[in-house]
C-alpha cells in the first residue's frame, strides 16, 4: 500500500500514511476545508424554509 500524500510505502505505525508528517498534512487538509464530504444538507434546509414560509402566508 502506498501513502496517499507522497506515494511512498506505508509504515504500520502511521498507516495508511508513511510518516507522521504525511498524516499531519492530511489532517491539515481536513481542518482547512481542502477536503469536504459532499452533503445536500443546505439544499434540504432551504427547502424546509421555503415550505415554512408558504405555510405562514396561508390564512388561518
PDB file of N, CA and C in Angstrom:
ATOM      1  N   UNK A   1       0.845  -1.167   0.000  1.00  0.00           N
ATOM      2  CA  UNK A   1       0.000   0.000   0.000  1.00  0.00           C
ATOM      3  C   UNK A   1       0.895   1.236   0.000  1.00  0.00           C
ATOM      4  N   UNK A   2       0.484   2.260  -0.732  1.00  0.00           N
ATOM      5  CA  UNK A   2       1.304   3.468  -0.781  1.00  0.00           C
ATOM      6  C   UNK A   2       0.595   4.629  -0.074  1.00  0.00           C
ATOM      7  N   UNK A   3       1.376   5.538   0.418  1.00  0.00           N
ATOM      8  CA  UNK A   3       0.887   6.716   1.137  1.00  0.00           C
ATOM      9  C   UNK A   3       0.063   7.589   0.187  1.00  0.00           C
ATOM     10  N   UNK A   4      -1.149   8.002   0.595  1.00  0.00           N
ATOM     11  CA  UNK A   4      -1.976   8.823  -0.279  1.00  0.00           C
ATOM     12  C   UNK A   4      -1.443  10.254  -0.466  1.00  0.00           C
ATOM     13  N   UNK A   5      -0.511  10.668   0.370  1.00  0.00           N
ATOM     14  CA  UNK A   5       0.045  12.027   0.272  1.00  0.00           C
ATOM     15  C   UNK A   5       1.268  12.058  -0.638  1.00  0.00           C
ATOM     16  N   UNK A   6       2.247  11.188  -0.356  1.00  0.00           N
ATOM     17  CA  UNK A   6       3.504  11.255  -1.124  1.00  0.00           C
ATOM     18  C   UNK A   6       3.748  10.048  -2.020  1.00  0.00           C
ATOM     19  N   UNK A   7       3.005   8.965  -1.831  1.00  0.00           N
ATOM     20  CA  UNK A   7       3.179   7.791  -2.671  1.00  0.00           C
ATOM     21  C   UNK A   7       4.221   6.805  -2.184  1.00  0.00           C
ATOM     22  N   UNK A   8       4.899   7.111  -1.068  1.00  0.00           N
ATOM     23  CA  UNK A   8       5.918   6.214  -0.514  1.00  0.00           C
ATOM     24  C   UNK A   8       5.229   5.020   0.159  1.00  0.00           C
ATOM     25  N   UNK A   9       6.010   3.999   0.524  1.00  0.00           N
ATOM     26  CA  UNK A   9       5.457   2.832   1.215  1.00  0.00           C
ATOM     27  C   UNK A   9       4.970   3.239   2.604  1.00  0.00           C
ATOM     28  N   UNK A  10       3.867   2.637   3.049  1.00  0.00           N
ATOM     29  CA  UNK A  10       3.318   2.988   4.358  1.00  0.00           C
ATOM     30  C   UNK A  10       4.075   2.283   5.469  1.00  0.00           C
ATOM     31  N   UNK A  11       3.979   2.868   6.654  1.00  0.00           N
ATOM     32  CA  UNK A  11       4.533   2.254   7.855  1.00  0.00           C
ATOM     33  C   UNK A  11       3.360   1.870   8.740  1.00  0.00           C
ATOM     34  N   UNK A  12       3.463   0.707   9.374  1.00  0.00           N
ATOM     35  CA  UNK A  12       2.381   0.193  10.207  1.00  0.00           C
ATOM     36  C   UNK A  12       1.935   1.222  11.254  1.00  0.00           C
ATOM     37  N   UNK A  13       2.871   1.920  11.850  1.00  0.00           N
ATOM     38  CA  UNK A  13       2.574   2.888  12.909  1.00  0.00           C
ATOM     39  C   UNK A  13       1.714   4.052  12.402  1.00  0.00           C
ATOM     40  N   UNK A  14       1.860   4.433  11.151  1.00  0.00           N
ATOM     41  CA  UNK A  14       1.160   5.608  10.611  1.00  0.00           C
ATOM     42  C   UNK A  14       0.143   5.256   9.523  1.00  0.00           C
ATOM     43  N   UNK A  15      -0.123   3.983   9.328  1.00  0.00           N
ATOM     44  CA  UNK A  15      -0.997   3.528   8.253  1.00  0.00           C
ATOM     45  C   UNK A  15      -2.290   4.319   8.207  1.00  0.00           C
ATOM     46  N   UNK A  16      -2.729   4.809   7.082  1.00  0.00           N
ATOM     47  CA  UNK A  16      -2.306   4.498   5.723  1.00  0.00           C
ATOM     48  C   UNK A  16      -1.206   5.420   5.207  1.00  0.00           C
ATOM     49  N   UNK A  17      -0.556   6.154   6.096  1.00  0.00           N
ATOM     50  CA  UNK A  17       0.495   7.094   5.690  1.00  0.00           C
ATOM     51  C   UNK A  17       1.873   6.499   5.929  1.00  0.00           C
ATOM     52  N   UNK A  18       2.890   7.169   5.396  1.00  0.00           N
ATOM     53  CA  UNK A  18       4.252   6.673   5.560  1.00  0.00           C
ATOM     54  C   UNK A  18       4.946   7.293   6.768  1.00  0.00           C
ATOM     55  N   UNK A  19       4.420   8.422   7.248  1.00  0.00           N
ATOM     56  CA  UNK A  19       5.077   9.111   8.360  1.00  0.00           C
ATOM     57  C   UNK A  19       4.082  10.029   9.066  1.00  0.00           C
ATOM     58  N   UNK A  20       4.493  10.533  10.210  1.00  0.00           N
ATOM     59  CA  UNK A  20       3.663  11.487  10.944  1.00  0.00           C
ATOM     60  C   UNK A  20       3.478  12.758  10.123  1.00  0.00           C
ATOM     61  N   UNK A  21       4.496  13.133   9.379  1.00  0.00           N
ATOM     62  CA  UNK A  21       4.413  14.334   8.544  1.00  0.00           C
ATOM     63  C   UNK A  21       3.260  14.230   7.545  1.00  0.00           C
ATOM     64  N   UNK A  22       3.176  13.113   6.839  1.00  0.00           N
ATOM     65  CA  UNK A  22       2.100  12.943   5.853  1.00  0.00           C
ATOM     66  C   UNK A  22       0.736  12.854   6.537  1.00  0.00           C
ATOM     67  N   UNK A  23       0.684  12.216   7.707  1.00  0.00           N
ATOM     68  CA  UNK A  23      -0.566  12.156   8.457  1.00  0.00           C
ATOM     69  C   UNK A  23      -0.998  13.561   8.866  1.00  0.00           C
ATOM     70  N   UNK A  24      -0.044  14.391   9.291  1.00  0.00           N
ATOM     71  CA  UNK A  24      -0.346  15.768   9.683  1.00  0.00           C
ATOM     72  C   UNK A  24      -0.781  16.611   8.479  1.00  0.00           C
ATOM     73  N   UNK A  25      -0.175  16.393   7.339  1.00  0.00           N
ATOM     74  CA  UNK A  25      -0.577  17.107   6.116  1.00  0.00           C
ATOM     75  C   UNK A  25      -2.023  16.771   5.782  1.00  0.00           C
ATOM     76  N   UNK A  26      -2.376  15.482   5.880  1.00  0.00           N
ATOM     77  CA  UNK A  26      -3.741  15.058   5.598  1.00  0.00           C
ATOM     78  C   UNK A  26      -4.724  15.688   6.594  1.00  0.00           C
ATOM     79  N   UNK A  27      -4.373  15.689   7.867  1.00  0.00           N
ATOM     80  CA  UNK A  27      -5.227  16.301   8.888  1.00  0.00           C
ATOM     81  C   UNK A  27      -5.419  17.789   8.611  1.00  0.00           C
ATOM     82  N   UNK A  28      -4.365  18.474   8.246  1.00  0.00           N
ATOM     83  CA  UNK A  28      -4.454  19.907   7.938  1.00  0.00           C
ATOM     84  C   UNK A  28      -5.399  20.162   6.761  1.00  0.00           C
ATOM     85  N   UNK A  29      -5.376  19.277   5.772  1.00  0.00           N
ATOM     86  CA  UNK A  29      -6.284  19.438   4.632  1.00  0.00           C
ATOM     87  C   UNK A  29      -7.735  19.322   5.073  1.00  0.00           C
ATOM     88  N   UNK A  30      -8.022  18.410   6.000  1.00  0.00           N
ATOM     89  CA  UNK A  30      -9.384  18.292   6.522  1.00  0.00           C
ATOM     90  C   UNK A  30      -9.759  19.532   7.319  1.00  0.00           C
ATOM     91  N   UNK A  31      -8.841  20.006   8.154  1.00  0.00           N
ATOM     92  CA  UNK A  31      -9.145  21.130   9.035  1.00  0.00           C
ATOM     93  C   UNK A  31      -9.315  22.462   8.295  1.00  0.00           C
ATOM     94  N   UNK A  32      -8.574  22.654   7.201  1.00  0.00           N
ATOM     95  CA  UNK A  32      -8.704  23.928   6.483  1.00  0.00           C
ATOM     96  C   UNK A  32      -9.759  23.883   5.378  1.00  0.00           C
ATOM     97  N   UNK A  33     -10.423  22.734   5.219  1.00  0.00           N
ATOM     98  CA  UNK A  33     -11.521  22.648   4.261  1.00  0.00           C
ATOM     99  C   UNK A  33     -11.122  22.218   2.864  1.00  0.00           C
ATOM    100  N   UNK A  34      -9.874  21.794   2.673  1.00  0.00           N
ATOM    101  CA  UNK A  34      -9.468  21.316   1.353  1.00  0.00           C
ATOM    102  C   UNK A  34     -10.214  20.043   0.970  1.00  0.00           C
ATOM    103  N   UNK A  35     -10.500  19.227   1.975  1.00  0.00           N
ATOM    104  CA  UNK A  35     -11.317  18.039   1.761  1.00  0.00           C
ATOM    105  C   UNK A  35     -12.718  18.381   2.269  1.00  0.00           C
ATOM    106  N   UNK A  36     -13.700  17.832   1.628  1.00  0.00           N
ATOM    107  CA  UNK A  36     -15.065  18.023   2.102  1.00  0.00           C
ATOM    108  C   UNK A  36     -15.898  16.809   1.736  1.00  0.00           C
ATOM    109  N   UNK A  37     -16.773  16.443   2.624  1.00  0.00           N
ATOM    110  CA  UNK A  37     -17.691  15.351   2.367  1.00  0.00           C
ATOM    111  C   UNK A  37     -18.930  15.956   1.727  1.00  0.00           C
ATOM    112  N   UNK A  38     -19.309  15.491   0.543  1.00  0.00           N
ATOM    113  CA  UNK A  38     -20.479  16.070  -0.124  1.00  0.00           C
ATOM    114  C   UNK A  38     -21.734  15.912   0.723  1.00  0.00           C
ATOM    115  N   UNK A  39     -22.519  16.955   0.754  1.00  0.00           N
ATOM    116  CA  UNK A  39     -23.750  16.932   1.523  1.00  0.00           C
ATOM    117  C   UNK A  39     -24.814  17.725   0.808  1.00  0.00           C
ATOM    118  N   UNK A  40     -26.038  17.321   0.977  1.00  0.00           N
ATOM    119  CA  UNK A  40     -27.155  18.062   0.423  1.00  0.00           C
ATOM    120  C   UNK A  40     -27.912  18.754   1.540  1.00  0.00           C
ATOM    121  N   UNK A  41     -27.346  18.835   2.693  1.00  0.00           N
ATOM    122  CA  UNK A  41     -27.997  19.395   3.874  1.00  0.00           C
ATOM    123  C   UNK A  41     -28.460  20.825   3.629  1.00  0.00           C
ATOM    124  N   UNK A  42     -27.650  21.680   3.001  1.00  0.00           N
ATOM    125  CA  UNK A  42     -28.034  23.066   2.740  1.00  0.00           C
ATOM    126  C   UNK A  42     -29.279  23.124   1.859  1.00  0.00           C
ATOM    127  N   UNK A  43     -29.317  22.264   0.848  1.00  0.00           N
ATOM    128  CA  UNK A  43     -30.472  22.234  -0.038  1.00  0.00           C
ATOM    129  C   UNK A  43     -31.723  21.802   0.726  1.00  0.00           C
ATOM    130  N   UNK A  44     -31.579  20.817   1.618  1.00  0.00           N
ATOM    131  CA  UNK A  44     -32.708  20.361   2.415  1.00  0.00           C
ATOM    132  C   UNK A  44     -33.197  21.474   3.333  1.00  0.00           C
ATOM    133  N   UNK A  45     -32.275  22.207   3.935  1.00  0.00           N
ATOM    134  CA  UNK A  45     -32.650  23.297   4.833  1.00  0.00           C
ATOM    135  C   UNK A  45     -33.375  24.404   4.060  1.00  0.00           C
ATOM    136  N   UNK A  46     -32.915  24.725   2.860  1.00  0.00           N
ATOM    137  CA  UNK A  46     -33.569  25.745   2.046  1.00  0.00           C
ATOM    138  C   UNK A  46     -34.984  25.327   1.680  1.00  0.00           C
ATOM    139  N   UNK A  47     -35.165  24.047   1.373  1.00  0.00           N
ATOM    140  CA  UNK A  47     -36.492  23.539   1.034  1.00  0.00           C
ATOM    141  C   UNK A  47     -37.419  23.630   2.242  1.00  0.00           C
ATOM    142  N   UNK A  48     -36.911  23.314   3.428  1.00  0.00           N
ATOM    143  CA  UNK A  48     -37.714  23.401   4.645  1.00  0.00           C
ATOM    144  C   UNK A  48     -38.119  24.837   4.925  1.00  0.00           C
ATOM    145  N   UNK A  49     -37.219  25.783   4.719  1.00  0.00           N
ATOM    146  CA  UNK A  49     -37.519  27.195   4.945  1.00  0.00           C
ATOM    147  C   UNK A  49     -38.587  27.656   3.959  1.00  0.00           C
ATOM    148  N   UNK A  50     -38.462  27.274   2.698  1.00  0.00           N
ATOM    149  CA  UNK A  50     -39.444  27.652   1.688  1.00  0.00           C
ATOM    150  C   UNK A  50     -40.824  27.110   2.041  1.00  0.00           C
ATOM    151  N   UNK A  51     -40.896  25.872   2.497  1.00  0.00           N
ATOM    152  CA  UNK A  51     -42.172  25.284   2.893  1.00  0.00           C
ATOM    153  C   UNK A  51     -42.759  26.016   4.084  1.00  0.00           C
ATOM    154  N   UNK A  52     -41.926  26.383   5.035  1.00  0.00           N
ATOM    155  CA  UNK A  52     -42.382  27.112   6.222  1.00  0.00           C
ATOM    156  C   UNK A  52     -42.927  28.480   5.863  1.00  0.00           C
ATOM    157  N   UNK A  53     -42.282  29.171   4.930  1.00  0.00           N
ATOM    158  CA  UNK A  53     -42.747  30.487   4.504  1.00  0.00           C
ATOM    159  C   UNK A  53     -44.097  30.375   3.804  1.00  0.00           C
ATOM    160  N   UNK A  54     -44.293  29.336   3.014  1.00  0.00           N
ATOM    161  CA  UNK A  54     -45.558  29.133   2.306  1.00  0.00           C
ATOM    162  C   UNK A  54     -46.686  28.895   3.297  1.00  0.00           C
ATOM    163  N   UNK A  55     -46.402  28.100   4.321  1.00  0.00           N
ATOM    164  CA  UNK A  55     -47.426  27.814   5.330  1.00  0.00           C
ATOM    165  C   UNK A  55     -47.788  29.060   6.123  1.00  0.00           C
ATOM    166  N   UNK A  56     -46.839  29.943   6.385  1.00  0.00           N
ATOM    167  CA  UNK A  56     -47.113  31.158   7.141  1.00  0.00           C
ATOM    168  C   UNK A  56     -47.949  32.142   6.342  1.00  0.00           C
ATOM    169  N   UNK A  57     -47.892  32.127   5.038  1.00  0.00           N
ATOM    170  CA  UNK A  57     -48.630  33.053   4.199  1.00  0.00           C
ATOM    171  C   UNK A  57     -50.101  32.661   4.056  1.00  0.00           C
ATOM    172  N   UNK A  58     -50.425  31.426   4.361  1.00  0.00           N
ATOM    173  CA  UNK A  58     -51.799  30.962   4.239  1.00  0.00           C
ATOM    174  C   UNK A  58     -52.644  31.540   5.369  1.00  0.00           C
ATOM    175  N   UNK A  59     -53.862  31.975   5.078  1.00  0.00           N
ATOM    176  CA  UNK A  59     -54.738  32.466   6.150  1.00  0.00           C
ATOM    177  C   UNK A  59     -55.169  31.316   7.048  1.00  0.00           C
ATOM    178  N   UNK A  60     -55.377  31.607   8.281  1.00  0.00           N
ATOM    179  CA  UNK A  60     -55.765  30.583   9.268  1.00  0.00           C
ATOM    180  C   UNK A  60     -57.218  30.267   9.209  1.00  0.00           C
TER     181      UNK A  60
END
